PDB file of N, CA and C in Angstrom:
ATOM      1  N   MET A   1     -57.040 -23.425  58.803  1.00  0.00           N
ATOM      2  CA  MET A   1     -56.514 -22.268  58.229  1.00  0.00           C
ATOM      3  C   MET A   1     -56.455 -22.505  56.636  1.00  0.00           C
ATOM      4  N   ALA A   2     -57.203 -21.791  55.858  1.00  0.00           N
ATOM      5  CA  ALA A   2     -56.911 -21.823  54.454  1.00  0.00           C
ATOM      6  C   ALA A   2     -55.607 -21.385  53.793  1.00  0.00           C
ATOM      7  N   GLU A   3     -55.007 -22.190  52.738  1.00  0.00           N
ATOM      8  CA  GLU A   3     -53.997 -22.002  52.065  1.00  0.00           C
ATOM      9  C   GLU A   3     -54.021 -22.107  50.644  1.00  0.00           C
ATOM     10  N   TRP A   4     -53.233 -21.447  49.919  1.00  0.00           N
ATOM     11  CA  TRP A   4     -53.224 -21.609  48.497  1.00  0.00           C
ATOM     12  C   TRP A   4     -52.184 -22.552  48.284  1.00  0.00           C
ATOM     13  N   LEU A   5     -52.298 -23.608  47.434  1.00  0.00           N
ATOM     14  CA  LEU A   5     -51.217 -24.489  46.954  1.00  0.00           C
ATOM     15  C   LEU A   5     -51.115 -24.590  45.501  1.00  0.00           C
ATOM     16  N   ARG A   6     -49.814 -24.725  45.130  1.00  0.00           N
ATOM     17  CA  ARG A   6     -49.736 -24.833  43.539  1.00  0.00           C
ATOM     18  C   ARG A   6     -50.302 -26.249  43.209  1.00  0.00           C
ATOM     19  N   ALA A   7     -51.039 -26.269  42.308  1.00  0.00           N
ATOM     20  CA  ALA A   7     -51.486 -27.722  41.811  1.00  0.00           C
ATOM     21  C   ALA A   7     -50.801 -28.150  40.402  1.00  0.00           C
ATOM     22  N   CYS A   8     -50.624 -27.197  39.630  1.00  0.00           N
ATOM     23  CA  CYS A   8     -49.913 -27.622  38.357  1.00  0.00           C
ATOM     24  C   CYS A   8     -49.470 -26.324  37.638  1.00  0.00           C
ATOM     25  N   ASP A   9     -48.913 -26.446  36.355  1.00  0.00           N
ATOM     26  CA  ASP A   9     -48.730 -25.440  35.416  1.00  0.00           C
ATOM     27  C   ASP A   9     -49.573 -25.249  34.543  1.00  0.00           C
ATOM     28  N   VAL A  10     -50.025 -24.031  34.296  1.00  0.00           N
ATOM     29  CA  VAL A  10     -51.129 -23.703  33.194  1.00  0.00           C
ATOM     30  C   VAL A  10     -51.141 -24.601  32.032  1.00  0.00           C
ATOM     31  N   ASN A  11     -50.295 -24.999  31.529  1.00  0.00           N
ATOM     32  CA  ASN A  11     -50.129 -26.069  30.373  1.00  0.00           C
ATOM     33  C   ASN A  11     -50.371 -27.456  30.673  1.00  0.00           C
ATOM     34  N   PHE A  12     -50.477 -27.839  31.910  1.00  0.00           N
ATOM     35  CA  PHE A  12     -50.502 -29.157  32.090  1.00  0.00           C
ATOM     36  C   PHE A  12     -52.071 -29.727  31.767  1.00  0.00           C
ATOM     37  N   VAL A  13     -53.195 -28.812  31.916  1.00  0.00           N
ATOM     38  CA  VAL A  13     -54.378 -29.288  31.587  1.00  0.00           C
ATOM     39  C   VAL A  13     -54.826 -28.708  30.065  1.00  0.00           C
ATOM     40  N   PRO A  14     -55.088 -29.672  29.231  1.00  0.00           N
ATOM     41  CA  PRO A  14     -55.652 -29.202  27.916  1.00  0.00           C
ATOM     42  C   PRO A  14     -57.046 -28.534  28.056  1.00  0.00           C
ATOM     43  N   ASP A  15     -57.228 -27.616  27.279  1.00  0.00           N
ATOM     44  CA  ASP A  15     -58.450 -27.000  27.003  1.00  0.00           C
ATOM     45  C   ASP A  15     -59.705 -28.015  26.862  1.00  0.00           C
ATOM     46  N   HIS A  16     -60.527 -27.780  27.559  1.00  0.00           N
ATOM     47  CA  HIS A  16     -61.932 -28.648  27.761  1.00  0.00           C
ATOM     48  C   HIS A  16     -61.854 -30.026  28.078  1.00  0.00           C
ATOM     49  N   GLU A  17     -60.754 -30.124  28.805  1.00  0.00           N
ATOM     50  CA  GLU A  17     -60.318 -31.523  29.484  1.00  0.00           C
ATOM     51  C   GLU A  17     -60.135 -31.233  31.031  1.00  0.00           C
ATOM     52  N   GLY A  18     -59.945 -32.566  31.747  1.00  0.00           N
ATOM     53  CA  GLY A  18     -59.605 -32.252  33.178  1.00  0.00           C
ATOM     54  C   GLY A  18     -58.321 -33.120  33.412  1.00  0.00           C
ATOM     55  N   ARG A  19     -57.697 -32.957  34.444  1.00  0.00           N
ATOM     56  CA  ARG A  19     -56.463 -33.677  35.035  1.00  0.00           C
ATOM     57  C   ARG A  19     -56.512 -33.759  36.461  1.00  0.00           C
ATOM     58  N   CYS A  20     -56.126 -34.862  36.851  1.00  0.00           N
ATOM     59  CA  CYS A  20     -56.119 -35.209  38.291  1.00  0.00           C
ATOM     60  C   CYS A  20     -54.708 -34.742  38.995  1.00  0.00           C
ATOM     61  N   VAL A  21     -54.788 -33.903  40.065  1.00  0.00           N
ATOM     62  CA  VAL A  21     -53.425 -33.632  40.936  1.00  0.00           C
ATOM     63  C   VAL A  21     -53.923 -34.111  42.457  1.00  0.00           C
ATOM     64  N   ARG A  22     -52.760 -34.208  43.131  1.00  0.00           N
ATOM     65  CA  ARG A  22     -53.117 -34.834  44.470  1.00  0.00           C
ATOM     66  C   ARG A  22     -52.249 -33.408  45.293  1.00  0.00           C
ATOM     67  N   LEU A  23     -53.278 -33.017  46.047  1.00  0.00           N
ATOM     68  CA  LEU A  23     -52.567 -32.028  46.967  1.00  0.00           C
ATOM     69  C   LEU A  23     -52.979 -32.337  48.560  1.00  0.00           C
ATOM     70  N   GLY A  24     -52.026 -32.735  49.203  1.00  0.00           N
ATOM     71  CA  GLY A  24     -52.261 -33.099  50.625  1.00  0.00           C
ATOM     72  C   GLY A  24     -52.847 -34.463  50.556  1.00  0.00           C
ATOM     73  N   ASN A  25     -54.030 -34.772  51.255  1.00  0.00           N
ATOM     74  CA  ASN A  25     -54.814 -35.907  50.948  1.00  0.00           C
ATOM     75  C   ASN A  25     -56.060 -35.896  50.013  1.00  0.00           C
ATOM     76  N   GLU A  26     -55.901 -34.856  49.227  1.00  0.00           N
ATOM     77  CA  GLU A  26     -57.014 -34.704  48.182  1.00  0.00           C
ATOM     78  C   GLU A  26     -56.501 -34.937  46.904  1.00  0.00           C
ATOM     79  N   ASP A  27     -57.475 -35.562  46.175  1.00  0.00           N
ATOM     80  CA  ASP A  27     -57.454 -35.769  44.918  1.00  0.00           C
ATOM     81  C   ASP A  27     -58.378 -34.747  44.116  1.00  0.00           C
ATOM     82  N   ILE A  28     -57.786 -33.916  43.305  1.00  0.00           N
ATOM     83  CA  ILE A  28     -58.474 -32.654  42.860  1.00  0.00           C
ATOM     84  C   ILE A  28     -58.555 -32.778  41.402  1.00  0.00           C
ATOM     85  N   ALA A  29     -59.696 -32.617  40.620  1.00  0.00           N
ATOM     86  CA  ALA A  29     -59.830 -32.584  39.185  1.00  0.00           C
ATOM     87  C   ALA A  29     -59.767 -31.074  38.935  1.00  0.00           C
ATOM     88  N   ILE A  30     -58.547 -30.674  37.994  1.00  0.00           N
ATOM     89  CA  ILE A  30     -58.742 -29.486  37.730  1.00  0.00           C
ATOM     90  C   ILE A  30     -59.230 -29.375  35.980  1.00  0.00           C
ATOM     91  N   PHE A  31     -59.911 -28.588  35.630  1.00  0.00           N
ATOM     92  CA  PHE A  31     -60.325 -28.468  34.462  1.00  0.00           C
ATOM     93  C   PHE A  31     -60.112 -26.942  33.813  1.00  0.00           C
ATOM     94  N   LYS A  32     -60.100 -27.146  32.518  1.00  0.00           N
ATOM     95  CA  LYS A  32     -59.763 -25.699  31.794  1.00  0.00           C
ATOM     96  C   LYS A  32     -60.802 -25.684  30.728  1.00  0.00           C
ATOM     97  N   VAL A  33     -61.467 -24.565  30.342  1.00  0.00           N
ATOM     98  CA  VAL A  33     -62.427 -24.377  29.590  1.00  0.00           C
ATOM     99  C   VAL A  33     -62.257 -22.834  28.943  1.00  0.00           C
ATOM    100  N   ASP A  34     -61.820 -22.884  27.812  1.00  0.00           N
ATOM    101  CA  ASP A  34     -61.607 -21.456  27.293  1.00  0.00           C
ATOM    102  C   ASP A  34     -60.399 -20.771  28.051  1.00  0.00           C
ATOM    103  N   GLY A  35     -59.415 -21.375  28.609  1.00  0.00           N
ATOM    104  CA  GLY A  35     -58.556 -20.645  29.245  1.00  0.00           C
ATOM    105  C   GLY A  35     -58.815 -20.364  30.693  1.00  0.00           C
ATOM    106  N   GLU A  36     -60.172 -20.662  31.246  1.00  0.00           N
ATOM    107  CA  GLU A  36     -60.490 -20.511  32.581  1.00  0.00           C
ATOM    108  C   GLU A  36     -60.536 -21.795  33.352  1.00  0.00           C
ATOM    109  N   PHE A  37     -60.038 -21.818  34.614  1.00  0.00           N
ATOM    110  CA  PHE A  37     -59.592 -23.034  35.310  1.00  0.00           C
ATOM    111  C   PHE A  37     -60.821 -23.176  36.335  1.00  0.00           C
ATOM    112  N   PHE A  38     -61.162 -24.466  36.787  1.00  0.00           N
ATOM    113  CA  PHE A  38     -61.987 -24.901  37.576  1.00  0.00           C
ATOM    114  C   PHE A  38     -61.466 -26.115  38.361  1.00  0.00           C
ATOM    115  N   ALA A  39     -61.950 -26.421  39.800  1.00  0.00           N
ATOM    116  CA  ALA A  39     -61.589 -27.408  40.755  1.00  0.00           C
ATOM    117  C   ALA A  39     -62.560 -28.073  41.373  1.00  0.00           C
ATOM    118  N   LEU A  40     -62.745 -29.513  41.117  1.00  0.00           N
ATOM    119  CA  LEU A  40     -63.739 -30.248  41.975  1.00  0.00           C
ATOM    120  C   LEU A  40     -62.918 -31.398  42.635  1.00  0.00           C
ATOM    121  N   ALA A  41     -63.503 -32.058  43.714  1.00  0.00           N
ATOM    122  CA  ALA A  41     -62.937 -33.198  44.213  1.00  0.00           C
ATOM    123  C   ALA A  41     -63.026 -34.246  43.009  1.00  0.00           C
ATOM    124  N   ASP A  42     -62.158 -35.081  42.884  1.00  0.00           N
ATOM    125  CA  ASP A  42     -61.927 -36.093  41.625  1.00  0.00           C
ATOM    126  C   ASP A  42     -62.485 -37.300  42.096  1.00  0.00           C
ATOM    127  N   HIS A  43     -63.750 -37.263  42.788  1.00  0.00           N
ATOM    128  CA  HIS A  43     -64.403 -38.288  43.177  1.00  0.00           C
ATOM    129  C   HIS A  43     -65.937 -37.929  43.019  1.00  0.00           C
ATOM    130  N   CYS A  44     -66.606 -38.676  42.151  1.00  0.00           N
ATOM    131  CA  CYS A  44     -68.116 -38.672  41.794  1.00  0.00           C
ATOM    132  C   CYS A  44     -68.756 -39.029  42.938  1.00  0.00           C
ATOM    133  N   PRO A  45     -69.646 -37.863  43.659  1.00  0.00           N
ATOM    134  CA  PRO A  45     -70.432 -38.207  45.052  1.00  0.00           C
ATOM    135  C   PRO A  45     -71.267 -39.629  44.799  1.00  0.00           C
ATOM    136  N   HIS A  46     -71.483 -39.863  43.543  1.00  0.00           N
ATOM    137  CA  HIS A  46     -72.322 -41.086  43.378  1.00  0.00           C
ATOM    138  C   HIS A  46     -71.721 -42.438  43.471  1.00  0.00           C
ATOM    139  N   GLY A  47     -70.493 -42.437  43.023  1.00  0.00           N
ATOM    140  CA  GLY A  47     -69.928 -43.790  43.039  1.00  0.00           C
ATOM    141  C   GLY A  47     -68.329 -43.483  42.987  1.00  0.00           C
ATOM    142  N   ASP A  48     -67.509 -44.390  42.402  1.00  0.00           N
ATOM    143  CA  ASP A  48     -66.185 -44.403  42.325  1.00  0.00           C
ATOM    144  C   ASP A  48     -65.723 -43.722  40.930  1.00  0.00           C
ATOM    145  N   GLY A  49     -66.584 -43.030  40.125  1.00  0.00           N
ATOM    146  CA  GLY A  49     -66.058 -42.339  39.101  1.00  0.00           C
ATOM    147  C   GLY A  49     -64.990 -41.237  39.432  1.00  0.00           C
ATOM    148  N   ARG A  50     -63.901 -41.078  38.472  1.00  0.00           N
ATOM    149  CA  ARG A  50     -62.983 -40.118  38.578  1.00  0.00           C
ATOM    150  C   ARG A  50     -63.549 -38.868  37.794  1.00  0.00           C
ATOM    151  N   LEU A  51     -63.916 -37.831  38.121  1.00  0.00           N
ATOM    152  CA  LEU A  51     -64.440 -36.735  37.348  1.00  0.00           C
ATOM    153  C   LEU A  51     -63.425 -36.044  36.463  1.00  0.00           C
ATOM    154  N   SER A  52     -62.095 -36.240  36.597  1.00  0.00           N
ATOM    155  CA  SER A  52     -61.135 -35.700  35.823  1.00  0.00           C
ATOM    156  C   SER A  52     -61.006 -36.526  34.483  1.00  0.00           C
ATOM    157  N   GLU A  53     -61.783 -37.764  34.448  1.00  0.00           N
ATOM    158  CA  GLU A  53     -61.862 -38.665  33.227  1.00  0.00           C
ATOM    159  C   GLU A  53     -63.032 -38.401  32.584  1.00  0.00           C
ATOM    160  N   GLY A  54     -63.875 -37.365  33.006  1.00  0.00           N
ATOM    161  CA  GLY A  54     -65.175 -37.141  32.457  1.00  0.00           C
ATOM    162  C   GLY A  54     -65.253 -36.224  31.223  1.00  0.00           C
ATOM    163  N   TRP A  55     -66.188 -36.130  30.642  1.00  0.00           N
ATOM    164  CA  TRP A  55     -66.536 -35.205  29.393  1.00  0.00           C
ATOM    165  C   TRP A  55     -66.808 -33.835  29.966  1.00  0.00           C
ATOM    166  N   VAL A  56     -66.319 -32.859  29.279  1.00  0.00           N
ATOM    167  CA  VAL A  56     -66.412 -31.524  29.753  1.00  0.00           C
ATOM    168  C   VAL A  56     -67.017 -30.786  28.603  1.00  0.00           C
ATOM    169  N   GLU A  57     -68.335 -30.460  29.010  1.00  0.00           N
ATOM    170  CA  GLU A  57     -69.122 -29.666  27.816  1.00  0.00           C
ATOM    171  C   GLU A  57     -70.073 -28.669  28.595  1.00  0.00           C
ATOM    172  N   ASN A  58     -70.425 -27.641  28.028  1.00  0.00           N
ATOM    173  CA  ASN A  58     -71.409 -26.620  28.319  1.00  0.00           C
ATOM    174  C   ASN A  58     -71.049 -26.212  30.001  1.00  0.00           C
ATOM    175  N   GLY A  59     -69.962 -25.973  30.342  1.00  0.00           N
ATOM    176  CA  GLY A  59     -69.714 -25.654  31.836  1.00  0.00           C
ATOM    177  C   GLY A  59     -70.120 -26.722  32.888  1.00  0.00           C
ATOM    178  N   GLU A  60     -70.018 -27.864  32.428  1.00  0.00           N
ATOM    179  CA  GLU A  60     -70.165 -29.115  33.142  1.00  0.00           C
ATOM    180  C   GLU A  60     -69.290 -30.208  32.940  1.00  0.00           C
ATOM    181  N   VAL A  61     -69.159 -31.104  33.835  1.00  0.00           N
ATOM    182  CA  VAL A  61     -68.429 -32.339  33.601  1.00  0.00           C
ATOM    183  C   VAL A  61     -69.422 -33.434  33.880  1.00  0.00           C
ATOM    184  N   GLU A  62     -69.105 -34.485  32.896  1.00  0.00           N
ATOM    185  CA  GLU A  62     -70.214 -35.641  33.085  1.00  0.00           C
ATOM    186  C   GLU A  62     -69.249 -36.944  33.701  1.00  0.00           C
ATOM    187  N   CYS A  63     -69.682 -37.497  34.729  1.00  0.00           N
ATOM    188  CA  CYS A  63     -68.941 -38.641  35.284  1.00  0.00           C
ATOM    189  C   CYS A  63     -68.905 -39.634  34.315  1.00  0.00           C
ATOM    190  N   PRO A  64     -67.789 -40.329  33.901  1.00  0.00           N
ATOM    191  CA  PRO A  64     -67.533 -41.503  33.025  1.00  0.00           C
ATOM    192  C   PRO A  64     -68.358 -42.662  33.261  1.00  0.00           C
ATOM    193  N   LEU A  65     -68.807 -42.835  34.783  1.00  0.00           N
ATOM    194  CA  LEU A  65     -69.458 -44.099  35.100  1.00  0.00           C
ATOM    195  C   LEU A  65     -70.790 -44.073  34.963  1.00  0.00           C
ATOM    196  N   HIS A  66     -71.564 -43.149  35.405  1.00  0.00           N
ATOM    197  CA  HIS A  66     -72.988 -42.949  35.460  1.00  0.00           C
ATOM    198  C   HIS A  66     -73.714 -41.756  34.817  1.00  0.00           C
ATOM    199  N   GLN A  67     -72.777 -40.957  34.188  1.00  0.00           N
ATOM    200  CA  GLN A  67     -73.326 -39.986  33.462  1.00  0.00           C
ATOM    201  C   GLN A  67     -73.925 -38.779  34.220  1.00  0.00           C
ATOM    202  N   SER A  68     -73.698 -38.838  35.574  1.00  0.00           N
ATOM    203  CA  SER A  68     -74.183 -37.607  36.443  1.00  0.00           C
ATOM    204  C   SER A  68     -73.392 -36.571  35.796  1.00  0.00           C
ATOM    205  N   ARG A  69     -74.064 -35.165  35.757  1.00  0.00           N
ATOM    206  CA  ARG A  69     -73.115 -34.046  35.394  1.00  0.00           C
ATOM    207  C   ARG A  69     -73.109 -33.084  36.419  1.00  0.00           C
ATOM    208  N   PHE A  70     -72.107 -32.314  36.647  1.00  0.00           N
ATOM    209  CA  PHE A  70     -71.658 -31.487  37.734  1.00  0.00           C
ATOM    210  C   PHE A  70     -71.287 -30.111  37.228  1.00  0.00           C
ATOM    211  N   ASN A  71     -71.850 -28.813  37.734  1.00  0.00           N
ATOM    212  CA  ASN A  71     -71.378 -27.764  37.376  1.00  0.00           C
ATOM    213  C   ASN A  71     -69.971 -27.430  37.597  1.00  0.00           C
ATOM    214  N   LEU A  72     -69.281 -26.914  36.684  1.00  0.00           N
ATOM    215  CA  LEU A  72     -67.686 -26.793  36.904  1.00  0.00           C
ATOM    216  C   LEU A  72     -67.653 -25.842  37.932  1.00  0.00           C
ATOM    217  N   VAL A  73     -68.507 -24.658  37.935  1.00  0.00           N
ATOM    218  CA  VAL A  73     -68.260 -23.303  39.096  1.00  0.00           C
ATOM    219  C   VAL A  73     -68.378 -23.651  40.321  1.00  0.00           C
ATOM    220  N   THR A  74     -69.747 -24.530  40.532  1.00  0.00           N
ATOM    221  CA  THR A  74     -70.317 -24.529  41.858  1.00  0.00           C
ATOM    222  C   THR A  74     -70.151 -26.139  42.441  1.00  0.00           C
ATOM    223  N   GLY A  75     -70.026 -27.054  41.535  1.00  0.00           N
ATOM    224  CA  GLY A  75     -70.157 -28.442  41.787  1.00  0.00           C
ATOM    225  C   GLY A  75     -71.271 -29.064  42.018  1.00  0.00           C
ATOM    226  N   ALA A  76     -72.424 -28.118  41.646  1.00  0.00           N
ATOM    227  CA  ALA A  76     -73.959 -28.436  41.766  1.00  0.00           C
ATOM    228  C   ALA A  76     -74.168 -29.844  40.775  1.00  0.00           C
ATOM    229  N   VAL A  77     -74.944 -30.787  41.336  1.00  0.00           N
ATOM    230  CA  VAL A  77     -75.362 -31.765  40.452  1.00  0.00           C
ATOM    231  C   VAL A  77     -76.537 -31.214  39.321  1.00  0.00           C
ATOM    232  N   GLN A  78     -76.077 -31.731  38.123  1.00  0.00           N
ATOM    233  CA  GLN A  78     -77.040 -31.189  37.183  1.00  0.00           C
ATOM    234  C   GLN A  78     -77.957 -32.237  36.677  1.00  0.00           C
ATOM    235  N   CYS A  79     -77.543 -33.464  36.807  1.00  0.00           N
ATOM    236  CA  CYS A  79     -78.179 -34.617  36.316  1.00  0.00           C
ATOM    237  C   CYS A  79     -78.048 -35.963  37.023  1.00  0.00           C
ATOM    238  N   PRO A  80     -79.076 -36.522  37.462  1.00  0.00           N
ATOM    239  CA  PRO A  80     -79.062 -37.854  38.233  1.00  0.00           C
ATOM    240  C   PRO A  80     -78.278 -38.898  37.407  1.00  0.00           C
ATOM    241  N   PRO A  81     -77.699 -39.862  38.025  1.00  0.00           N
ATOM    242  CA  PRO A  81     -78.196 -40.379  39.264  1.00  0.00           C
ATOM    243  C   PRO A  81     -77.546 -39.799  40.414  1.00  0.00           C
ATOM    244  N   ALA A  82     -76.470 -39.197  40.483  1.00  0.00           N
ATOM    245  CA  ALA A  82     -76.145 -38.425  41.676  1.00  0.00           C
ATOM    246  C   ALA A  82     -77.188 -37.680  42.378  1.00  0.00           C
ATOM    247  N   ARG A  83     -77.072 -37.345  43.452  1.00  0.00           N
ATOM    248  CA  ARG A  83     -78.007 -36.642  44.293  1.00  0.00           C
ATOM    249  C   ARG A  83     -77.236 -35.414  45.115  1.00  0.00           C
ATOM    250  N   ASP A  84     -75.841 -35.929  45.402  1.00  0.00           N
ATOM    251  CA  ASP A  84     -75.292 -34.783  46.126  1.00  0.00           C
ATOM    252  C   ASP A  84     -74.172 -34.037  45.205  1.00  0.00           C
ATOM    253  N   ASP A  85     -74.133 -32.687  45.690  1.00  0.00           N
ATOM    254  CA  ASP A  85     -73.045 -31.982  44.750  1.00  0.00           C
ATOM    255  C   ASP A  85     -71.577 -32.365  44.723  1.00  0.00           C
ATOM    256  N   ALA A  86     -70.812 -32.118  43.907  1.00  0.00           N
ATOM    257  CA  ALA A  86     -69.409 -32.422  43.876  1.00  0.00           C
ATOM    258  C   ALA A  86     -68.706 -31.304  44.934  1.00  0.00           C
ATOM    259  N   ARG A  87     -67.759 -31.618  45.647  1.00  0.00           N
ATOM    260  CA  ARG A  87     -67.024 -30.553  46.343  1.00  0.00           C
ATOM    261  C   ARG A  87     -66.262 -29.890  45.351  1.00  0.00           C
ATOM    262  N   PHE A  88     -66.148 -28.259  45.557  1.00  0.00           N
ATOM    263  CA  PHE A  88     -65.680 -27.368  44.615  1.00  0.00           C
ATOM    264  C   PHE A  88     -64.504 -26.825  45.466  1.00  0.00           C
ATOM    265  N   PHE A  89     -63.418 -26.358  44.757  1.00  0.00           N
ATOM    266  CA  PHE A  89     -62.501 -25.587  45.310  1.00  0.00           C
ATOM    267  C   PHE A  89     -62.134 -24.132  44.749  1.00  0.00           C
ATOM    268  N   GLN A  90     -61.692 -23.468  45.432  1.00  0.00           N
ATOM    269  CA  GLN A  90     -61.203 -21.910  44.887  1.00  0.00           C
ATOM    270  C   GLN A  90     -60.222 -22.177  44.167  1.00  0.00           C
ATOM    271  N   ILE A  91     -60.060 -21.464  43.003  1.00  0.00           N
ATOM    272  CA  ILE A  91     -58.694 -21.773  42.168  1.00  0.00           C
ATOM    273  C   ILE A  91     -58.372 -20.401  41.627  1.00  0.00           C
ATOM    274  N   ARG A  92     -57.309 -20.327  41.271  1.00  0.00           N
ATOM    275  CA  ARG A  92     -56.672 -18.616  40.542  1.00  0.00           C
ATOM    276  C   ARG A  92     -55.306 -19.272  39.906  1.00  0.00           C
ATOM    277  N   CYS A  93     -54.963 -18.401  38.803  1.00  0.00           N
ATOM    278  CA  CYS A  93     -53.587 -18.628  38.337  1.00  0.00           C
ATOM    279  C   CYS A  93     -52.654 -17.356  38.859  1.00  0.00           C
ATOM    280  N   ASP A  94     -51.639 -17.805  39.083  1.00  0.00           N
ATOM    281  CA  ASP A  94     -50.534 -17.093  39.536  1.00  0.00           C
ATOM    282  C   ASP A  94     -49.235 -17.003  38.670  1.00  0.00           C
ATOM    283  N   GLY A  95     -49.288 -16.196  37.514  1.00  0.00           N
ATOM    284  CA  GLY A  95     -48.343 -16.457  36.336  1.00  0.00           C
ATOM    285  C   GLY A  95     -48.568 -17.822  35.672  1.00  0.00           C
ATOM    286  N   GLU A  96     -47.825 -18.681  35.639  1.00  0.00           N
ATOM    287  CA  GLU A  96     -47.925 -19.976  34.946  1.00  0.00           C
ATOM    288  C   GLU A  96     -48.324 -20.878  36.044  1.00  0.00           C
ATOM    289  N   ASN A  97     -48.416 -20.612  37.280  1.00  0.00           N
ATOM    290  CA  ASN A  97     -48.900 -21.549  38.022  1.00  0.00           C
ATOM    291  C   ASN A  97     -50.607 -21.580  38.330  1.00  0.00           C
ATOM    292  N   VAL A  98     -51.113 -22.880  38.574  1.00  0.00           N
ATOM    293  CA  VAL A  98     -52.677 -22.933  38.946  1.00  0.00           C
ATOM    294  C   VAL A  98     -52.502 -23.199  40.528  1.00  0.00           C
ATOM    295  N   MET A  99     -53.238 -22.358  41.271  1.00  0.00           N
ATOM    296  CA  MET A  99     -53.060 -22.368  42.501  1.00  0.00           C
ATOM    297  C   MET A  99     -54.687 -22.771  43.002  1.00  0.00           C
ATOM    298  N   VAL A 100     -54.620 -23.775  44.016  1.00  0.00           N
ATOM    299  CA  VAL A 100     -55.983 -24.112  44.613  1.00  0.00           C
ATOM    300  C   VAL A 100     -56.089 -24.109  45.931  1.00  0.00           C
ATOM    301  N   GLN A 101     -56.949 -23.490  46.661  1.00  0.00           N
ATOM    302  CA  GLN A 101     -57.175 -23.308  48.122  1.00  0.00           C
ATOM    303  C   GLN A 101     -57.888 -24.285  48.762  1.00  0.00           C
ATOM    304  N   LEU A 102     -56.938 -24.848  49.824  1.00  0.00           N
ATOM    305  CA  LEU A 102     -57.197 -26.064  50.618  1.00  0.00           C
ATOM    306  C   LEU A 102     -57.437 -25.337  52.105  1.00  0.00           C
ATOM    307  N   GLY A 103     -58.312 -26.126  52.788  1.00  0.00           N
ATOM    308  CA  GLY A 103     -58.653 -25.647  54.080  1.00  0.00           C
ATOM    309  C   GLY A 103     -60.001 -24.935  54.326  1.00  0.00           C
ATOM    310  N   ASP A 104     -59.998 -24.186  55.447  1.00  0.00           N
ATOM    311  CA  ASP A 104     -61.367 -23.566  55.523  1.00  0.00           C
ATOM    312  C   ASP A 104     -61.377 -22.272  54.761  1.00  0.00           C
TER     313      ASP A 104
END
Protein backbone atom coordinates (compact mmCIF):
# COMPACT_ATOMS: atom_id res chain seq x y z
CA MET A 1 0.00 0.00 0.00
CA ALA A 2 1.30 3.43 -0.95
CA GLU A 3 1.67 6.11 1.67
CA TRP A 4 2.76 9.72 1.68
CA LEU A 5 5.62 10.48 4.08
CA ARG A 6 7.10 13.82 5.08
CA ALA A 7 10.54 14.07 3.50
CA CYS A 8 11.62 17.56 4.56
CA ASP A 9 10.71 21.22 4.90
CA VAL A 10 10.39 23.17 1.63
CA ASN A 11 13.36 25.32 2.66
CA PHE A 12 15.67 22.32 3.20
CA VAL A 13 16.55 22.07 -0.50
CA PRO A 14 18.17 25.10 -2.18
CA ASP A 15 16.92 25.98 -5.65
CA HIS A 16 18.73 24.11 -8.46
CA GLU A 17 20.27 21.63 -6.01
CA GLY A 18 19.53 18.30 -4.41
CA ARG A 19 19.54 16.94 -0.85
CA CYS A 20 19.34 13.38 0.43
CA VAL A 21 16.68 12.26 2.89
CA ARG A 22 16.15 8.81 4.37
CA LEU A 23 12.57 7.47 4.35
CA GLY A 24 12.16 3.94 5.64
CA ASN A 25 14.91 1.97 3.93
CA GLU A 26 15.22 4.38 1.01
CA ASP A 27 17.78 7.13 0.42
CA ILE A 28 15.88 9.64 -1.71
CA ALA A 29 17.32 12.61 -3.56
CA ILE A 30 14.99 15.60 -3.36
CA PHE A 31 15.58 18.30 -5.98
CA LYS A 32 14.12 21.79 -6.32
CA VAL A 33 14.08 23.69 -9.61
CA ASP A 34 12.40 27.08 -9.74
CA GLY A 35 10.32 26.14 -6.69
CA GLU A 36 9.17 22.77 -8.10
CA PHE A 37 10.22 19.54 -6.36
CA PHE A 38 11.34 16.19 -7.79
CA ALA A 39 12.40 12.91 -6.15
CA LEU A 40 14.70 10.15 -7.41
CA ALA A 41 16.46 7.27 -5.71
CA ASP A 42 19.74 8.69 -4.40
CA HIS A 43 21.78 6.00 -6.11
CA CYS A 44 22.99 6.15 -9.69
CA PRO A 45 21.99 2.89 -11.40
CA HIS A 46 25.43 2.83 -13.07
CA GLY A 47 27.58 2.92 -9.92
CA ASP A 48 27.83 4.23 -6.41
CA GLY A 49 27.23 7.90 -7.22
CA ARG A 50 24.82 9.87 -5.04
CA LEU A 51 22.49 11.79 -7.33
CA SER A 52 21.75 14.30 -4.57
CA GLU A 53 25.37 15.45 -4.98
CA GLY A 54 25.05 15.87 -8.75
CA TRP A 55 24.69 18.95 -10.91
CA VAL A 56 21.14 20.08 -11.65
CA GLU A 57 20.57 21.77 -14.98
CA ASN A 58 17.96 21.82 -17.77
CA GLY A 59 15.55 19.50 -15.94
CA GLU A 60 18.24 16.86 -15.39
CA VAL A 61 20.69 15.76 -12.72
CA GLU A 62 24.20 14.66 -13.66
CA CYS A 63 25.85 11.93 -11.59
CA PRO A 64 28.99 13.31 -9.95
CA LEU A 65 30.99 10.12 -10.66
CA HIS A 66 30.48 9.19 -14.31
CA GLN A 67 28.43 12.08 -15.75
CA SER A 68 25.34 10.07 -16.63
CA ARG A 69 22.31 12.37 -16.70
CA PHE A 70 18.75 11.59 -15.59
CA ASN A 71 15.46 13.36 -16.23
CA LEU A 72 14.17 14.81 -12.94
CA VAL A 73 10.51 14.16 -13.82
CA THR A 74 10.75 10.53 -14.97
CA GLY A 75 14.20 9.30 -13.92
CA ALA A 76 14.90 8.35 -17.56
CA VAL A 77 18.58 8.09 -18.42
CA GLN A 78 19.55 10.88 -20.81
CA CYS A 79 23.27 10.22 -21.25
CA PRO A 80 25.53 7.15 -20.87
CA PRO A 81 27.38 5.38 -19.37
CA ALA A 82 24.23 4.53 -17.36
CA ARG A 83 21.82 2.27 -19.22
CA ASP A 84 19.08 1.96 -16.62
CA ASP A 85 16.70 4.68 -15.48
CA ALA A 86 16.86 6.09 -11.96
CA ARG A 87 13.84 5.19 -9.83
CA PHE A 88 11.52 8.16 -9.42
CA PHE A 89 8.97 8.90 -6.70
CA GLN A 90 5.76 10.90 -6.69
CA ILE A 91 6.23 14.11 -4.73
CA ARG A 92 4.02 16.97 -3.58
CA CYS A 93 4.01 19.89 -1.18
CA ASP A 94 1.60 20.10 1.72
CA GLY A 95 2.03 23.55 3.18
CA GLU A 96 5.69 23.78 4.26
CA ASN A 97 6.19 20.00 4.03
CA VAL A 98 7.63 18.11 1.07
CA MET A 99 5.85 14.75 0.88
CA VAL A 100 7.07 11.64 -1.00
CA GLN A 101 4.95 8.63 -1.88
CA LEU A 102 6.45 5.27 -0.94
CA GLY A 103 5.02 1.85 -1.72
CA ASP A 104 2.89 0.57 -4.57
